Amino acid sequence: MISPREVPPWPTFLRPLLEVLNDGQIWKTSDLESTTTDRMQLSDEQRAQTLKSGQTQAYNRVGWALSALTRAQAVQKVRLGESRITDVGAR
């Protein structure tokens, strides 16, 4: 079981990320990060946790989830730093 202080593992971000993208719009990665963490109701403490690189764990995990969804063809990269859901992801 995950402590309420820990950031959930990246697979936990898959569904909320698809829910955000399901509006069919083109999303900037930075907006996806903040909107997905809002949808997941992560605490300020969870959002503040950083990796050694300085990147927040939550944003890093959104990135991993976005990468996995792109490889699965559920999300399409429109331009650098911009994505949208595909028909596969909308199912």
C-alpha atoms as a PDB file:
ATOM      1  CA  MET A   1       0.000   0.000   0.000  1.00  0.00           C
ATOM      2  CA  ILE A   2       1.242   3.478  -0.886  1.00  0.00           C
ATOM      3  CA  SER A   3       1.646   6.002   1.876  1.00  0.00           C
ATOM      4  CA  PRO A   4      -0.442   9.175   1.392  1.00  0.00           C
ATOM      5  CA  ARG A   5       2.883  11.034   1.418  1.00  0.00           C
ATOM      6  CA  GLU A   6       4.349   9.059  -1.497  1.00  0.00           C
ATOM      7  CA  VAL A   7       3.778   9.856  -5.136  1.00  0.00           C
ATOM      8  CA  PRO A   8       1.913   6.938  -6.751  1.00  0.00           C
ATOM      9  CA  PRO A   9       3.799   4.824  -9.317  1.00  0.00           C
ATOM     10  CA  TRP A  10       3.641   5.979 -12.930  1.00  0.00           C
ATOM     11  CA  PRO A  11       1.054   3.390 -14.133  1.00  0.00           C
ATOM     12  CA  THR A  12      -1.436   5.035 -11.750  1.00  0.00           C
ATOM     13  CA  PHE A  13      -1.207   8.151 -13.939  1.00  0.00           C
ATOM     14  CA  LEU A  14      -2.378   6.404 -17.146  1.00  0.00           C
ATOM     15  CA  ARG A  15      -6.134   6.620 -16.667  1.00  0.00           C
ATOM     16  CA  PRO A  16      -6.253  10.192 -15.284  1.00  0.00           C
ATOM     17  CA  LEU A  17      -4.024  11.317 -18.140  1.00  0.00           C
ATOM     18  CA  LEU A  18      -6.342   9.746 -20.720  1.00  0.00           C
ATOM     19  CA  GLU A  19      -9.330  11.331 -18.964  1.00  0.00           C
ATOM     20  CA  VAL A  20      -7.714  14.769 -19.319  1.00  0.00           C
ATOM     21  CA  LEU A  21      -6.841  14.170 -22.975  1.00  0.00           C
ATOM     22  CA  ASN A  22     -10.309  12.817 -23.754  1.00  0.00           C
ATOM     23  CA  ASP A  23     -11.584  16.299 -24.641  1.00  0.00           C
ATOM     24  CA  GLY A  24      -9.879  15.842 -28.042  1.00  0.00           C
ATOM     25  CA  GLN A  25      -7.880  19.064 -27.770  1.00  0.00           C
ATOM     26  CA  ILE A  26      -4.147  19.454 -28.285  1.00  0.00           C
ATOM     27  CA  TRP A  27      -2.486  19.711 -24.868  1.00  0.00           C
ATOM     28  CA  LYS A  28       0.885  21.166 -23.929  1.00  0.00           C
ATOM     29  CA  THR A  29       2.867  18.762 -21.770  1.00  0.00           C
ATOM     30  CA  SER A  30       3.176  21.316 -18.946  1.00  0.00           C
ATOM     31  CA  ASP A  31      -0.617  21.730 -18.871  1.00  0.00           C
ATOM     32  CA  LEU A  32      -1.089  17.952 -18.887  1.00  0.00           C
ATOM     33  CA  GLU A  33       1.214  17.656 -15.902  1.00  0.00           C
ATOM     34  CA  SER A  34      -0.661  20.163 -13.770  1.00  0.00           C
ATOM     35  CA  THR A  35      -4.159  19.094 -14.851  1.00  0.00           C
ATOM     36  CA  THR A  36      -3.422  15.387 -14.346  1.00  0.00           C
ATOM     37  CA  THR A  37      -1.994  15.938 -10.861  1.00  0.00           C
ATOM     38  CA  ASP A  38      -5.068  18.073 -10.056  1.00  0.00           C
ATOM     39  CA  ARG A  39      -7.367  15.287 -11.291  1.00  0.00           C
ATOM     40  CA  MET A  40      -5.493  12.807  -9.100  1.00  0.00           C
ATOM     41  CA  GLN A  41      -5.871  15.170  -6.130  1.00  0.00           C
ATOM     42  CA  LEU A  42      -2.212  14.879  -5.192  1.00  0.00           C
ATOM     43  CA  SER A  43      -1.338  16.745  -2.016  1.00  0.00           C
ATOM     44  CA  ASP A  44       1.036  19.693  -1.948  1.00  0.00           C
ATOM     45  CA  GLU A  45       3.514  17.411  -0.209  1.00  0.00           C
ATOM     46  CA  GLN A  46       3.300  14.851  -3.024  1.00  0.00           C
ATOM     47  CA  ARG A  47       3.647  17.564  -5.668  1.00  0.00           C
ATOM     48  CA  ALA A  48       6.718  18.999  -3.946  1.00  0.00           C
ATOM     49  CA  GLN A  49       8.757  15.780  -3.903  1.00  0.00           C
ATOM     50  CA  THR A  50      11.675  16.019  -6.302  1.00  0.00           C
ATOM     51  CA  LEU A  51      14.159  13.719  -7.952  1.00  0.00           C
ATOM     52  CA  LYS A  52      17.904  14.286  -7.752  1.00  0.00           C
ATOM     53  CA  SER A  53      17.620  16.064 -11.114  1.00  0.00           C
ATOM     54  CA  GLY A  54      15.320  18.657  -9.529  1.00  0.00           C
ATOM     55  CA  GLN A  55      12.247  17.553 -11.502  1.00  0.00           C
ATOM     56  CA  THR A  56       9.189  16.768  -9.410  1.00  0.00           C
ATOM     57  CA  GLN A  57       8.331  13.088  -9.082  1.00  0.00           C
ATOM     58  CA  ALA A  58       4.727  13.715 -10.096  1.00  0.00           C
ATOM     59  CA  TYR A  59       5.674  15.469 -13.355  1.00  0.00           C
ATOM     60  CA  ASN A  60       8.240  12.764 -14.061  1.00  0.00           C
ATOM     61  CA  ARG A  61       5.567  10.114 -13.683  1.00  0.00           C
ATOM     62  CA  VAL A  62       3.169  11.990 -15.941  1.00  0.00           C
ATOM     63  CA  GLY A  63       5.989  11.966 -18.494  1.00  0.00           C
ATOM     64  CA  TRP A  64       6.453   8.200 -18.178  1.00  0.00           C
ATOM     65  CA  ALA A  65       2.702   7.649 -18.526  1.00  0.00           C
ATOM     66  CA  LEU A  66       2.541   9.945 -21.564  1.00  0.00           C
ATOM     67  CA  SER A  67       5.450   8.085 -23.139  1.00  0.00           C
ATOM     68  CA  ALA A  68       3.780   4.704 -22.561  1.00  0.00           C
ATOM     69  CA  LEU A  69       0.482   5.933 -24.015  1.00  0.00           C
ATOM     70  CA  THR A  70       2.298   7.316 -27.049  1.00  0.00           C
ATOM     71  CA  ARG A  71       4.058   3.980 -27.640  1.00  0.00           C
ATOM     72  CA  ALA A  72       0.674   2.235 -27.314  1.00  0.00           C
ATOM     73  CA  GLN A  73      -0.695   4.672 -29.949  1.00  0.00           C
ATOM     74  CA  ALA A  74      -3.328   5.927 -27.499  1.00  0.00           C
ATOM     75  CA  VAL A  75      -1.765   9.392 -27.662  1.00  0.00           C
ATOM     76  CA  GLN A  76      -0.221  11.195 -30.616  1.00  0.00           C
ATOM     77  CA  LYS A  77       2.602  13.731 -30.429  1.00  0.00           C
ATOM     78  CA  VAL A  78       1.381  16.642 -32.560  1.00  0.00           C
ATOM     79  CA  ARG A  79       4.458  18.827 -32.121  1.00  0.00           C
ATOM     80  CA  LEU A  80       7.307  18.941 -29.664  1.00  0.00           C
ATOM     81  CA  GLY A  81       5.688  19.199 -26.223  1.00  0.00           C
ATOM     82  CA  GLU A  82       2.129  18.876 -27.539  1.00  0.00           C
ATOM     83  CA  SER A  83      -0.101  15.797 -27.568  1.00  0.00           C
ATOM     84  CA  ARG A  84      -3.651  14.691 -28.237  1.00  0.00           C
ATOM     85  CA  ILE A  85      -5.646  11.525 -27.732  1.00  0.00           C
ATOM     86  CA  THR A  86      -6.127   9.098 -30.642  1.00  0.00           C
ATOM     87  CA  ASP A  87      -9.133   6.945 -31.465  1.00  0.00           C
ATOM     88  CA  VAL A  88      -7.356   4.073 -29.700  1.00  0.00           C
ATOM     89  CA  GLY A  89      -6.986   6.123 -26.513  1.00  0.00           C
ATOM     90  CA  ALA A  90     -10.550   7.397 -26.625  1.00  0.00           C
ATOM     91  CA  ARG A  91     -12.022   3.876 -26.448  1.00  0.00           C
END
